[in-house]
Amino acid sequence: MALTIVVRAWRTRDEGEAPRGAEGRAAGTKGEGDPGELSLTFDAPRVVIGRGEGCELRLPDPSVSHRHASIRQRGGEYILIDEKSLNGTFVERVRLPPEAPRVIRSGERVRVGRVWLEIRVEPKLVTRAPRDAAKELALALVTRGLLDQGEDPRPRVRVLEGPDAGKELRIAEPGRRYIFGRGREADLVIEDANASRRHVDIAQKGDHLVVHDLGSKIGSTLDGASLGPSDVPWKPGQILAFGGNRLEFDYPAAEALAELERSPDEAMAPSERLEPPDPDADPDAPPGEEPASPEPSLAESVVSPIRRPAAQPSAPEGGWSFTDGAIVILALGVLALSIAGLYLLLAK
């Protein structure tokens, strides 16, 4: 039986609507009736859950430790182990002792930091290219967080200089091929008379783009190296040049993910009480009245890798706190003992 882990503790601004191109595709597990589900399916002796790049399930939330927990096969069952994480690993509402194995059953909900997961043990096809899928899932979660804050997380290609300086294009659909050239059918129409009608082909792959030349007359270069008919990785900071134009791209979601993975673990406040997500909630139901204490969404934290510490309560103005009184009493006691000692010394 395969192990499927579903990310449950997030809400998008449109009550579960996934951003275009980010739904289910990250894991290849887009479920019927639940187009916004993000999950990965494994058949491996160990699955590491955490914020670090090397984890099999990457959760871009600062409350999740870089190596937070692991799920391991033991015979015909799976066991969950907390890997000495800062904020702990919970099954439903019960916190696991560090490094103490606990059998995990299908349908149980697990919390790592602020993130709720659902565990399913079921016959299912395993996710292909799991490391690439883990990165795409993390990018999809960061994308949702940025969308919730009104930012555009998609890759953006810009013409820095040349006859078409200022033109730009957002890569809205991962996997789709985008054509740059002089032809009116191109996705980014280039006015440079030296460009071919179909000059270069660009697509998104993970956290970077890929590009190849389409047999243009004058050719294309990436950081000075000539492009051929095969895809070449195009990374942020590299310059694509053809004709008189020089282009670069940035990817806000990938930049945010990298920042999250570099940031230190964030301790949760003792007052944070995160209830398990409602398993009977209908994600397609119209939005209704919010519960009194809704669980924080993953989107609220993935875009804030370094959260400001909560303000400490201060003593009321114009009065003494209990601590102030205790310090004064202690000081008076020390003073009294000193006077008594001096009196005895002089009396001898």
C-alpha atoms as a PDB file:
ATOM      1  CA  MET A   1       0.000   0.000   0.000  1.00  0.00           C
ATOM      2  CA  ALA A   2       1.300   3.443  -0.912  1.00  0.00           C
ATOM      3  CA  LEU A   3       1.562   6.395   1.465  1.00  0.00           C
ATOM      4  CA  THR A   4      -0.195   9.602   0.397  1.00  0.00           C
ATOM      5  CA  ILE A   5       0.342  12.846   2.327  1.00  0.00           C
ATOM      6  CA  VAL A   6      -2.170  15.636   1.695  1.00  0.00           C
ATOM      7  CA  VAL A   7      -1.533  19.241   2.746  1.00  0.00           C
ATOM      8  CA  ARG A   8      -4.712  20.355   4.521  1.00  0.00           C
ATOM      9  CA  ALA A   9      -4.006  23.472   6.622  1.00  0.00           C
ATOM     10  CA  TRP A  10      -4.287  26.251   4.094  1.00  0.00           C
ATOM     11  CA  ARG A  11      -7.107  28.371   2.686  1.00  0.00           C
ATOM     12  CA  THR A  12      -6.845  30.462  -0.441  1.00  0.00           C
ATOM     13  CA  ARG A  13      -8.496  33.842  -0.778  1.00  0.00           C
ATOM     14  CA  ASP A  14     -11.223  32.283  -2.933  1.00  0.00           C
ATOM     15  CA  GLU A  15     -12.209  29.586  -0.419  1.00  0.00           C
ATOM     16  CA  GLY A  16     -10.127  26.770  -1.853  1.00  0.00           C
ATOM     17  CA  GLU A  17      -9.754  27.882  -5.465  1.00  0.00           C
ATOM     18  CA  ALA A  18      -6.263  27.030  -6.655  1.00  0.00           C
ATOM     19  CA  PRO A  19      -4.200  29.458  -8.723  1.00  0.00           C
ATOM     20  CA  ARG A  20      -4.120  28.648 -12.410  1.00  0.00           C
ATOM     21  CA  GLY A  21      -1.509  26.024 -13.181  1.00  0.00           C
ATOM     22  CA  ALA A  22      -0.738  25.226  -9.516  1.00  0.00           C
ATOM     23  CA  GLU A  23      -3.516  22.806  -8.612  1.00  0.00           C
ATOM     24  CA  GLY A  24      -2.788  19.081  -8.136  1.00  0.00           C
ATOM     25  CA  ARG A  25      -0.231  19.112 -10.942  1.00  0.00           C
ATOM     26  CA  ALA A  26       2.609  19.554  -8.475  1.00  0.00           C
ATOM     27  CA  ALA A  27       2.024  16.063  -7.197  1.00  0.00           C
ATOM     28  CA  GLY A  28       0.275  14.413 -10.074  1.00  0.00           C
ATOM     29  CA  THR A  29      -2.530  13.607  -7.642  1.00  0.00           C
ATOM     30  CA  LYS A  30      -5.292  15.938  -8.675  1.00  0.00           C
ATOM     31  CA  GLY A  31      -8.311  14.278  -7.146  1.00  0.00           C
ATOM     32  CA  GLU A  32     -11.802  14.156  -8.599  1.00  0.00           C
ATOM     33  CA  GLY A  33     -14.006  16.809  -7.044  1.00  0.00           C
ATOM     34  CA  ASP A  34     -11.043  18.443  -5.302  1.00  0.00           C
ATOM     35  CA  PRO A  35      -9.061  20.403  -7.883  1.00  0.00           C
ATOM     36  CA  GLY A  36      -7.147  22.314  -5.208  1.00  0.00           C
ATOM     37  CA  GLU A  37      -5.686  19.293  -3.413  1.00  0.00           C
ATOM     38  CA  LEU A  38      -1.912  19.195  -3.070  1.00  0.00           C
ATOM     39  CA  SER A  39      -0.426  15.822  -2.216  1.00  0.00           C
ATOM     40  CA  LEU A  40       2.428  13.418  -2.839  1.00  0.00           C
ATOM     41  CA  THR A  41       2.298   9.612  -2.930  1.00  0.00           C
ATOM     42  CA  PHE A  42       5.294   7.518  -1.852  1.00  0.00           C
ATOM     43  CA  ASP A  43       6.400   3.917  -1.713  1.00  0.00           C
ATOM     44  CA  ALA A  44       9.728   4.334   0.081  1.00  0.00           C
ATOM     45  CA  PRO A  45      11.215   3.016   3.345  1.00  0.00           C
ATOM     46  CA  ARG A  46      11.458   6.572   4.730  1.00  0.00           C
ATOM     47  CA  VAL A  47       9.842   9.935   3.934  1.00  0.00           C
ATOM     48  CA  VAL A  48      11.363  13.030   5.572  1.00  0.00           C
ATOM     49  CA  ILE A  49       9.025  15.988   6.193  1.00  0.00           C
ATOM     50  CA  GLY A  50      10.458  19.454   6.710  1.00  0.00           C
ATOM     51  CA  ARG A  51      11.358  22.850   5.284  1.00  0.00           C
ATOM     52  CA  GLY A  52      14.793  21.867   3.971  1.00  0.00           C
ATOM     53  CA  GLU A  53      15.569  21.350   0.302  1.00  0.00           C
ATOM     54  CA  GLY A  54      16.531  17.716   0.843  1.00  0.00           C
ATOM     55  CA  CYS A  55      13.177  16.650   2.337  1.00  0.00           C
ATOM     56  CA  GLU A  56      10.784  14.395   0.445  1.00  0.00           C
ATOM     57  CA  LEU A  57       7.879  16.645   1.529  1.00  0.00           C
ATOM     58  CA  ARG A  58       8.878  20.333   1.623  1.00  0.00           C
ATOM     59  CA  LEU A  59       6.603  22.637   3.617  1.00  0.00           C
ATOM     60  CA  PRO A  60       7.524  26.320   3.248  1.00  0.00           C
ATOM     61  CA  ASP A  61       6.450  27.545   6.678  1.00  0.00           C
ATOM     62  CA  PRO A  62       8.966  28.972   9.204  1.00  0.00           C
ATOM     63  CA  SER A  63       7.309  27.027  12.050  1.00  0.00           C
ATOM     64  CA  VAL A  64       8.340  23.773  10.315  1.00  0.00           C
ATOM     65  CA  SER A  65      11.899  22.720  11.151  1.00  0.00           C
ATOM     66  CA  HIS A  66      14.343  22.042   8.334  1.00  0.00           C
ATOM     67  CA  ARG A  67      14.125  18.336   9.226  1.00  0.00           C
ATOM     68  CA  HIS A  68      10.910  18.103  11.230  1.00  0.00           C
ATOM     69  CA  ALA A  69       9.557  14.540  11.159  1.00  0.00           C
ATOM     70  CA  SER A  70       9.780  11.292   9.222  1.00  0.00           C
ATOM     71  CA  ILE A  71       7.445   8.467   8.284  1.00  0.00           C
ATOM     72  CA  ARG A  72       9.018   5.026   7.979  1.00  0.00           C
ATOM     73  CA  GLN A  73       7.803   1.642   6.830  1.00  0.00           C
ATOM     74  CA  ARG A  74       7.861  -1.114   9.420  1.00  0.00           C
ATOM     75  CA  GLY A  75       6.558  -4.352   8.030  1.00  0.00           C
ATOM     76  CA  GLY A  76       3.046  -3.719   6.797  1.00  0.00           C
ATOM     77  CA  GLU A  77       2.550  -0.459   8.697  1.00  0.00           C
ATOM     78  CA  TYR A  78       3.902   3.089   8.812  1.00  0.00           C
ATOM     79  CA  ILE A  79       5.387   4.794  11.870  1.00  0.00           C
ATOM     80  CA  LEU A  80       5.723   8.536  12.496  1.00  0.00           C
ATOM     81  CA  ILE A  81       8.770   9.964  14.304  1.00  0.00           C
ATOM     82  CA  ASP A  82       9.426  13.525  15.441  1.00  0.00           C
ATOM     83  CA  GLU A  83      13.011  14.426  14.511  1.00  0.00           C
ATOM     84  CA  LYS A  84      13.635  16.749  17.508  1.00  0.00           C
ATOM     85  CA  SER A  85      11.707  19.569  15.862  1.00  0.00           C
ATOM     86  CA  LEU A  86      11.361  22.968  17.520  1.00  0.00           C
ATOM     87  CA  ASN A  87       7.552  23.119  17.541  1.00  0.00           C
ATOM     88  CA  GLY A  88       6.761  19.423  17.767  1.00  0.00           C
ATOM     89  CA  THR A  89       4.822  16.845  15.782  1.00  0.00           C
ATOM     90  CA  PHE A  90       1.183  16.120  16.656  1.00  0.00           C
ATOM     91  CA  VAL A  91      -1.227  13.327  15.763  1.00  0.00           C
ATOM     92  CA  GLU A  92      -4.615  14.995  16.037  1.00  0.00           C
ATOM     93  CA  ARG A  93      -4.146  16.949  19.328  1.00  0.00           C
ATOM     94  CA  VAL A  94      -1.498  14.716  20.921  1.00  0.00           C
ATOM     95  CA  ARG A  95       2.161  15.787  20.781  1.00  0.00           C
ATOM     96  CA  LEU A  96       4.678  13.020  20.120  1.00  0.00           C
ATOM     97  CA  PRO A  97       7.796  12.719  22.282  1.00  0.00           C
ATOM     98  CA  PRO A  98      10.955  13.385  20.224  1.00  0.00           C
ATOM     99  CA  GLU A  99      12.286  10.297  18.390  1.00  0.00           C
ATOM    100  CA  ALA A 100       9.517   8.079  19.833  1.00  0.00           C
ATOM    101  CA  PRO A 101       7.906   6.020  17.018  1.00  0.00           C
ATOM    102  CA  ARG A 102       4.130   6.038  16.760  1.00  0.00           C
ATOM    103  CA  VAL A 103       2.090   3.895  14.353  1.00  0.00           C
ATOM    104  CA  ILE A 104       0.167   6.120  11.959  1.00  0.00           C
ATOM    105  CA  ARG A 105      -3.104   4.972  10.400  1.00  0.00           C
ATOM    106  CA  SER A 106      -4.925   5.990   7.254  1.00  0.00           C
ATOM    107  CA  GLY A 107      -7.163   9.004   7.799  1.00  0.00           C
ATOM    108  CA  GLU A 108      -5.253  10.406  10.784  1.00  0.00           C
ATOM    109  CA  ARG A 109      -4.259  14.056  10.758  1.00  0.00           C
ATOM    110  CA  VAL A 110      -0.747  15.170  11.612  1.00  0.00           C
ATOM    111  CA  ARG A 111       0.445  18.653  12.510  1.00  0.00           C
ATOM    112  CA  VAL A 112       4.029  19.812  11.931  1.00  0.00           C
ATOM    113  CA  GLY A 113       4.488  23.377  13.140  1.00  0.00           C
ATOM    114  CA  ARG A 114       1.428  25.253  11.886  1.00  0.00           C
ATOM    115  CA  VAL A 115       0.779  22.895   8.975  1.00  0.00           C
ATOM    116  CA  TRP A 116      -1.868  20.162   9.067  1.00  0.00           C
ATOM    117  CA  LEU A 117      -1.428  17.048   6.940  1.00  0.00           C
ATOM    118  CA  GLU A 118      -3.736  14.123   6.248  1.00  0.00           C
ATOM    119  CA  ILE A 119      -2.251  10.626   6.008  1.00  0.00           C
ATOM    120  CA  ARG A 120      -3.721   8.090   3.614  1.00  0.00           C
ATOM    121  CA  VAL A 121      -2.551   4.508   3.189  1.00  0.00           C
ATOM    122  CA  GLU A 122      -4.148   3.312  -0.018  1.00  0.00           C
ATOM    123  CA  PRO A 123      -3.497   1.568  -3.332  1.00  0.00           C
ATOM    124  CA  LYS A 124      -2.389   4.417  -5.574  1.00  0.00           C
ATOM    125  CA  LEU A 125       0.188   5.210  -8.236  1.00  0.00           C
ATOM    126  CA  VAL A 126       3.390   6.599  -6.763  1.00  0.00           C
ATOM    127  CA  THR A 127       4.397  10.166  -7.644  1.00  0.00           C
ATOM    128  CA  ARG A 128       6.957  10.196 -10.445  1.00  0.00           C
ATOM    129  CA  ALA A 129      10.204  12.166 -10.003  1.00  0.00           C
ATOM    130  CA  PRO A 130       9.477  12.723  -6.288  1.00  0.00           C
ATOM    131  CA  ARG A 131      12.182  15.356  -5.688  1.00  0.00           C
ATOM    132  CA  ASP A 132      10.965  17.493  -8.585  1.00  0.00           C
ATOM    133  CA  ALA A 133       7.376  16.996  -7.429  1.00  0.00           C
ATOM    134  CA  ALA A 134       8.317  18.041  -3.865  1.00  0.00           C
ATOM    135  CA  LYS A 135       9.812  21.280  -5.203  1.00  0.00           C
ATOM    136  CA  GLU A 136       6.752  21.948  -7.361  1.00  0.00           C
ATOM    137  CA  LEU A 137       4.432  21.348  -4.393  1.00  0.00           C
ATOM    138  CA  ALA A 138       6.448  23.803  -2.265  1.00  0.00           C
ATOM    139  CA  LEU A 139       6.332  26.369  -5.078  1.00  0.00           C
ATOM    140  CA  ALA A 140       2.572  25.860  -5.418  1.00  0.00           C
ATOM    141  CA  LEU A 141       2.099  26.553  -1.695  1.00  0.00           C
ATOM    142  CA  VAL A 142       4.247  29.690  -1.851  1.00  0.00           C
ATOM    143  CA  THR A 143       2.334  30.753  -4.977  1.00  0.00           C
ATOM    144  CA  ARG A 144      -0.954  30.512  -3.079  1.00  0.00           C
ATOM    145  CA  GLY A 145       0.466  32.532  -0.229  1.00  0.00           C
ATOM    146  CA  LEU A 146       1.660  35.315  -2.527  1.00  0.00           C
ATOM    147  CA  LEU A 147      -1.671  35.368  -4.359  1.00  0.00           C
ATOM    148  CA  ASP A 148      -3.460  35.741  -1.017  1.00  0.00           C
ATOM    149  CA  GLN A 149      -1.431  38.891  -0.412  1.00  0.00           C
ATOM    150  CA  GLY A 150      -2.198  40.323  -3.833  1.00  0.00           C
ATOM    151  CA  GLU A 151       1.251  39.670  -5.342  1.00  0.00           C
ATOM    152  CA  ASP A 152       1.871  38.065  -8.727  1.00  0.00           C
ATOM    153  CA  PRO A 153       4.134  35.046  -8.091  1.00  0.00           C
ATOM    154  CA  ARG A 154       4.565  33.911 -11.700  1.00  0.00           C
ATOM    155  CA  PRO A 155       7.845  34.086 -13.658  1.00  0.00           C
ATOM    156  CA  ARG A 156       8.239  37.352 -15.569  1.00  0.00           C
ATOM    157  CA  VAL A 157      10.397  37.769 -18.691  1.00  0.00           C
ATOM    158  CA  ARG A 158      11.457  41.362 -19.410  1.00  0.00           C
ATOM    159  CA  VAL A 159      13.298  43.026 -22.294  1.00  0.00           C
ATOM    160  CA  LEU A 160      16.012  45.035 -20.533  1.00  0.00           C
ATOM    161  CA  GLU A 161      17.425  46.871 -23.516  1.00  0.00           C
ATOM    162  CA  GLY A 162      17.109  46.980 -27.285  1.00  0.00           C
ATOM    163  CA  PRO A 163      14.371  47.891 -29.764  1.00  0.00           C
ATOM    164  CA  ASP A 164      11.743  46.207 -27.553  1.00  0.00           C
ATOM    165  CA  ALA A 165      12.954  47.508 -24.178  1.00  0.00           C
ATOM    166  CA  GLY A 166      10.170  47.547 -21.557  1.00  0.00           C
ATOM    167  CA  LYS A 167       8.122  44.684 -22.986  1.00  0.00           C
ATOM    168  CA  GLU A 168       7.410  41.804 -20.618  1.00  0.00           C
ATOM    169  CA  LEU A 169       5.477  38.543 -20.406  1.00  0.00           C
ATOM    170  CA  ARG A 170       4.240  36.492 -17.446  1.00  0.00           C
ATOM    171  CA  ILE A 171       4.671  32.713 -17.752  1.00  0.00           C
ATOM    172  CA  ALA A 172       1.185  31.807 -16.556  1.00  0.00           C
ATOM    173  CA  GLU A 173       1.032  28.081 -17.364  1.00  0.00           C
ATOM    174  CA  PRO A 174       3.842  25.731 -16.287  1.00  0.00           C
ATOM    175  CA  GLY A 175       4.735  23.319 -19.077  1.00  0.00           C
ATOM    176  CA  ARG A 176       3.245  25.405 -21.867  1.00  0.00           C
ATOM    177  CA  ARG A 177       5.632  26.531 -24.631  1.00  0.00           C
ATOM    178  CA  TYR A 178       5.840  30.295 -25.251  1.00  0.00           C
ATOM    179  CA  ILE A 179       7.096  31.663 -28.568  1.00  0.00           C
ATOM    180  CA  PHE A 180       9.055  34.920 -28.820  1.00  0.00           C
ATOM    181  CA  GLY A 181       9.471  36.380 -32.308  1.00  0.00           C
ATOM    182  CA  ARG A 182       8.405  38.887 -34.936  1.00  0.00           C
ATOM    183  CA  GLY A 183       5.285  36.978 -36.003  1.00  0.00           C
ATOM    184  CA  ARG A 184       1.937  38.331 -34.822  1.00  0.00           C
ATOM    185  CA  GLU A 185       1.004  34.894 -33.487  1.00  0.00           C
ATOM    186  CA  ALA A 186       3.967  34.948 -31.058  1.00  0.00           C
ATOM    187  CA  ASP A 187       3.260  35.149 -27.320  1.00  0.00           C
ATOM    188  CA  LEU A 188       5.713  38.054 -27.058  1.00  0.00           C
ATOM    189  CA  VAL A 189       5.827  39.973 -30.309  1.00  0.00           C
ATOM    190  CA  ILE A 190       9.311  41.348 -31.019  1.00  0.00           C
ATOM    191  CA  GLU A 191       9.578  44.460 -33.221  1.00  0.00           C
ATOM    192  CA  ASP A 192      13.320  44.105 -33.879  1.00  0.00           C
ATOM    193  CA  ALA A 193      13.641  43.703 -37.676  1.00  0.00           C
ATOM    194  CA  ASN A 194      16.566  41.282 -37.203  1.00  0.00           C
ATOM    195  CA  ALA A 195      14.465  38.779 -35.224  1.00  0.00           C
ATOM    196  CA  SER A 196      12.836  35.795 -36.907  1.00  0.00           C
ATOM    197  CA  ARG A 197       9.074  35.314 -36.903  1.00  0.00           C
ATOM    198  CA  ARG A 198       9.547  32.397 -34.486  1.00  0.00           C
ATOM    199  CA  HIS A 199      12.853  33.072 -32.795  1.00  0.00           C
ATOM    200  CA  VAL A 200      13.014  31.317 -29.398  1.00  0.00           C
ATOM    201  CA  ASP A 201      10.835  28.887 -27.447  1.00  0.00           C
ATOM    202  CA  ILE A 202      10.520  29.264 -23.641  1.00  0.00           C
ATOM    203  CA  ALA A 203       8.800  27.185 -20.941  1.00  0.00           C
ATOM    204  CA  GLN A 204       8.778  26.917 -17.159  1.00  0.00           C
ATOM    205  CA  LYS A 205      10.344  23.886 -15.492  1.00  0.00           C
ATOM    206  CA  GLY A 206      10.373  23.855 -11.690  1.00  0.00           C
ATOM    207  CA  ASP A 207      12.063  26.976 -10.320  1.00  0.00           C
ATOM    208  CA  HIS A 208      13.635  28.050 -13.640  1.00  0.00           C
ATOM    209  CA  LEU A 209      12.857  28.393 -17.328  1.00  0.00           C
ATOM    210  CA  VAL A 210      14.120  26.419 -20.305  1.00  0.00           C
ATOM    211  CA  VAL A 211      14.838  27.989 -23.686  1.00  0.00           C
ATOM    212  CA  HIS A 212      15.945  26.889 -27.148  1.00  0.00           C
ATOM    213  CA  ASP A 213      16.418  28.531 -30.528  1.00  0.00           C
ATOM    214  CA  LEU A 214      13.861  27.796 -33.244  1.00  0.00           C
ATOM    215  CA  GLY A 215      16.321  27.837 -36.133  1.00  0.00           C
ATOM    216  CA  SER A 216      16.461  31.617 -36.347  1.00  0.00           C
ATOM    217  CA  LYS A 217      18.654  33.317 -38.981  1.00  0.00           C
ATOM    218  CA  ILE A 218      20.818  35.299 -36.562  1.00  0.00           C
ATOM    219  CA  GLY A 219      20.752  32.868 -33.636  1.00  0.00           C
ATOM    220  CA  SER A 220      20.382  33.433 -29.892  1.00  0.00           C
ATOM    221  CA  THR A 221      22.737  33.353 -26.911  1.00  0.00           C
ATOM    222  CA  LEU A 222      22.326  32.734 -23.182  1.00  0.00           C
ATOM    223  CA  ASP A 223      25.068  34.443 -21.195  1.00  0.00           C
ATOM    224  CA  GLY A 224      27.140  34.485 -24.393  1.00  0.00           C
ATOM    225  CA  ALA A 225      26.709  30.780 -25.214  1.00  0.00           C
ATOM    226  CA  SER A 226      24.925  29.980 -28.462  1.00  0.00           C
ATOM    227  CA  LEU A 227      21.570  28.210 -28.210  1.00  0.00           C
ATOM    228  CA  GLY A 228      20.624  25.213 -30.317  1.00  0.00           C
ATOM    229  CA  PRO A 229      17.423  23.220 -30.870  1.00  0.00           C
ATOM    230  CA  SER A 230      17.553  21.543 -27.417  1.00  0.00           C
ATOM    231  CA  ASP A 231      16.256  23.057 -24.185  1.00  0.00           C
ATOM    232  CA  VAL A 232      18.849  24.808 -22.026  1.00  0.00           C
ATOM    233  CA  PRO A 233      18.100  25.841 -18.396  1.00  0.00           C
ATOM    234  CA  TRP A 234      17.628  29.597 -18.056  1.00  0.00           C
ATOM    235  CA  LYS A 235      18.210  30.736 -14.479  1.00  0.00           C
ATOM    236  CA  PRO A 236      17.546  34.127 -12.849  1.00  0.00           C
ATOM    237  CA  GLY A 237      20.378  36.552 -13.544  1.00  0.00           C
ATOM    238  CA  GLN A 238      21.295  35.058 -16.919  1.00  0.00           C
ATOM    239  CA  ILE A 239      20.837  37.211 -20.031  1.00  0.00           C
ATOM    240  CA  LEU A 240      19.099  35.928 -23.155  1.00  0.00           C
ATOM    241  CA  ALA A 241      20.119  37.898 -26.245  1.00  0.00           C
ATOM    242  CA  PHE A 242      19.001  37.868 -29.873  1.00  0.00           C
ATOM    243  CA  GLY A 243      19.111  40.689 -32.395  1.00  0.00           C
ATOM    244  CA  GLY A 244      19.479  43.917 -30.479  1.00  0.00           C
ATOM    245  CA  ASN A 245      17.407  42.770 -27.476  1.00  0.00           C
ATOM    246  CA  ARG A 246      18.640  41.568 -24.096  1.00  0.00           C
ATOM    247  CA  LEU A 247      16.147  39.766 -21.837  1.00  0.00           C
ATOM    248  CA  GLU A 248      16.139  38.509 -18.257  1.00  0.00           C
ATOM    249  CA  PHE A 249      13.540  36.936 -15.968  1.00  0.00           C
ATOM    250  CA  ASP A 250      12.621  36.825 -12.293  1.00  0.00           C
ATOM    251  CA  TYR A 251      10.427  34.388 -10.370  1.00  0.00           C
ATOM    252  CA  PRO A 252       8.942  35.813  -7.129  1.00  0.00           C
ATOM    253  CA  ALA A 253       7.633  32.461  -5.876  1.00  0.00           C
ATOM    254  CA  ALA A 254      11.034  30.765  -6.282  1.00  0.00           C
ATOM    255  CA  GLU A 255      12.761  33.694  -4.555  1.00  0.00           C
ATOM    256  CA  ALA A 256      10.317  33.498  -1.623  1.00  0.00           C
ATOM    257  CA  LEU A 257      10.812  29.716  -1.346  1.00  0.00           C
ATOM    258  CA  ALA A 258      14.600  30.085  -1.255  1.00  0.00           C
ATOM    259  CA  GLU A 259      14.320  32.736   1.454  1.00  0.00           C
ATOM    260  CA  LEU A 260      12.034  30.519   3.530  1.00  0.00           C
ATOM    261  CA  GLU A 261      14.402  27.581   3.275  1.00  0.00           C
ATOM    262  CA  ARG A 262      17.345  29.739   4.429  1.00  0.00           C
ATOM    263  CA  SER A 263      15.525  31.283   7.389  1.00  0.00           C
ATOM    264  CA  PRO A 264      15.887  29.902  10.949  1.00  0.00           C
ATOM    265  CA  ASP A 265      13.124  27.924  12.645  1.00  0.00           C
ATOM    266  CA  GLU A 266      10.454  30.119  14.218  1.00  0.00           C
ATOM    267  CA  ALA A 267       9.138  29.215  17.664  1.00  0.00           C
ATOM    268  CA  MET A 268       5.362  29.231  17.911  1.00  0.00           C
ATOM    269  CA  ALA A 269       3.734  31.237  20.689  1.00  0.00           C
ATOM    270  CA  PRO A 270       2.278  29.136  23.558  1.00  0.00           C
ATOM    271  CA  SER A 271      -1.069  30.828  22.905  1.00  0.00           C
ATOM    272  CA  GLU A 272      -1.314  29.409  19.365  1.00  0.00           C
ATOM    273  CA  ARG A 273      -3.942  26.667  19.456  1.00  0.00           C
ATOM    274  CA  LEU A 274      -4.408  25.025  16.091  1.00  0.00           C
ATOM    275  CA  GLU A 275      -7.410  22.747  15.818  1.00  0.00           C
ATOM    276  CA  PRO A 276      -7.442  19.946  13.233  1.00  0.00           C
ATOM    277  CA  PRO A 277      -9.168  20.928   9.970  1.00  0.00           C
ATOM    278  CA  ASP A 278     -12.755  19.739   9.665  1.00  0.00           C
ATOM    279  CA  PRO A 279     -12.678  16.480   7.638  1.00  0.00           C
ATOM    280  CA  ASP A 280     -16.376  16.915   6.738  1.00  0.00           C
ATOM    281  CA  ALA A 281     -15.992  20.457   5.411  1.00  0.00           C
ATOM    282  CA  ASP A 282     -17.109  20.838   1.807  1.00  0.00           C
ATOM    283  CA  PRO A 283     -14.432  22.801  -0.106  1.00  0.00           C
ATOM    284  CA  ASP A 284     -16.992  23.623  -2.832  1.00  0.00           C
ATOM    285  CA  ALA A 285     -19.607  24.962  -0.441  1.00  0.00           C
ATOM    286  CA  PRO A 286     -20.342  28.701  -0.644  1.00  0.00           C
ATOM    287  CA  PRO A 287     -18.489  30.753   1.950  1.00  0.00           C
ATOM    288  CA  GLY A 288     -20.429  31.126   5.155  1.00  0.00           C
ATOM    289  CA  GLU A 289     -19.836  32.567   8.564  1.00  0.00           C
ATOM    290  CA  GLU A 290     -16.254  32.173   9.765  1.00  0.00           C
ATOM    291  CA  PRO A 291     -15.713  30.107  12.920  1.00  0.00           C
ATOM    292  CA  ALA A 292     -14.851  31.979  16.088  1.00  0.00           C
ATOM    293  CA  SER A 293     -11.218  30.763  16.079  1.00  0.00           C
ATOM    294  CA  PRO A 294     -10.285  29.536  12.592  1.00  0.00           C
ATOM    295  CA  GLU A 295      -7.022  27.683  12.173  1.00  0.00           C
ATOM    296  CA  PRO A 296      -4.312  29.910  10.648  1.00  0.00           C
ATOM    297  CA  SER A 297      -3.822  29.223   6.964  1.00  0.00           C
ATOM    298  CA  LEU A 298      -0.503  28.130   5.538  1.00  0.00           C
ATOM    299  CA  ALA A 299      -0.778  31.039   3.112  1.00  0.00           C
ATOM    300  CA  GLU A 300      -0.522  33.490   6.013  1.00  0.00           C
ATOM    301  CA  SER A 301       2.927  32.254   6.953  1.00  0.00           C
ATOM    302  CA  VAL A 302       4.626  31.111   3.756  1.00  0.00           C
ATOM    303  CA  VAL A 303       5.115  34.683   2.601  1.00  0.00           C
ATOM    304  CA  SER A 304       6.601  35.868   5.919  1.00  0.00           C
ATOM    305  CA  PRO A 305       9.773  33.843   6.517  1.00  0.00           C
ATOM    306  CA  ILE A 306      10.837  36.026   9.440  1.00  0.00           C
ATOM    307  CA  ARG A 307       7.851  36.960  11.583  1.00  0.00           C
ATOM    308  CA  ARG A 308       8.086  39.754  14.123  1.00  0.00           C
ATOM    309  CA  PRO A 309       8.096  38.451  17.708  1.00  0.00           C
ATOM    310  CA  ALA A 310       4.903  39.054  19.600  1.00  0.00           C
ATOM    311  CA  ALA A 311       4.953  42.146  21.805  1.00  0.00           C
ATOM    312  CA  GLN A 312       5.442  41.351  25.481  1.00  0.00           C
ATOM    313  CA  PRO A 313       2.762  42.657  27.883  1.00  0.00           C
ATOM    314  CA  SER A 314       3.902  45.697  29.811  1.00  0.00           C
ATOM    315  CA  ALA A 315       3.038  46.835  33.301  1.00  0.00           C
ATOM    316  CA  PRO A 316       0.104  49.242  33.582  1.00  0.00           C
ATOM    317  CA  GLU A 317       1.126  52.870  33.485  1.00  0.00           C
ATOM    318  CA  GLY A 318       1.170  54.626  36.825  1.00  0.00           C
ATOM    319  CA  GLY A 319       1.326  51.431  38.929  1.00  0.00           C
ATOM    320  CA  TRP A 320       3.677  48.730  40.167  1.00  0.00           C
ATOM    321  CA  SER A 321       3.700  45.201  38.833  1.00  0.00           C
ATOM    322  CA  PHE A 322       4.107  42.110  41.012  1.00  0.00           C
ATOM    323  CA  THR A 323       7.739  41.818  39.874  1.00  0.00           C
ATOM    324  CA  ASP A 324       8.470  45.406  40.946  1.00  0.00           C
ATOM    325  CA  GLY A 325       7.071  44.710  44.418  1.00  0.00           C
ATOM    326  CA  ALA A 326       9.065  41.514  44.814  1.00  0.00           C
ATOM    327  CA  ILE A 327      12.316  43.297  43.916  1.00  0.00           C
ATOM    328  CA  VAL A 328      11.640  46.072  46.457  1.00  0.00           C
ATOM    329  CA  ILE A 329      10.899  43.573  49.262  1.00  0.00           C
ATOM    330  CA  LEU A 330      14.076  41.616  48.442  1.00  0.00           C
ATOM    331  CA  ALA A 331      16.155  44.820  48.477  1.00  0.00           C
ATOM    332  CA  LEU A 332      14.715  45.862  51.858  1.00  0.00           C
ATOM    333  CA  GLY A 333      15.494  42.414  53.274  1.00  0.00           C
ATOM    334  CA  VAL A 334      19.126  42.603  52.150  1.00  0.00           C
ATOM    335  CA  LEU A 335      19.411  46.097  53.628  1.00  0.00           C
ATOM    336  CA  ALA A 336      17.985  44.932  56.977  1.00  0.00           C
ATOM    337  CA  LEU A 337      20.431  42.014  57.180  1.00  0.00           C
ATOM    338  CA  SER A 338      23.334  44.340  56.391  1.00  0.00           C
ATOM    339  CA  ILE A 339      22.346  46.756  59.196  1.00  0.00           C
ATOM    340  CA  ALA A 340      21.943  43.902  61.670  1.00  0.00           C
ATOM    341  CA  GLY A 341      25.381  42.510  60.759  1.00  0.00           C
ATOM    342  CA  LEU A 342      26.994  45.924  61.183  1.00  0.00           C
ATOM    343  CA  TYR A 343      25.339  46.377  64.604  1.00  0.00           C
ATOM    344  CA  LEU A 344      26.645  43.001  65.856  1.00  0.00           C
ATOM    345  CA  LEU A 345      30.143  43.796  64.574  1.00  0.00           C
ATOM    346  CA  LEU A 346      30.261  47.138  66.377  1.00  0.00           C
ATOM    347  CA  ALA A 347      28.801  45.686  69.600  1.00  0.00           C
ATOM    348  CA  LYS A 348      31.767  43.317  70.080  1.00  0.00           C
END
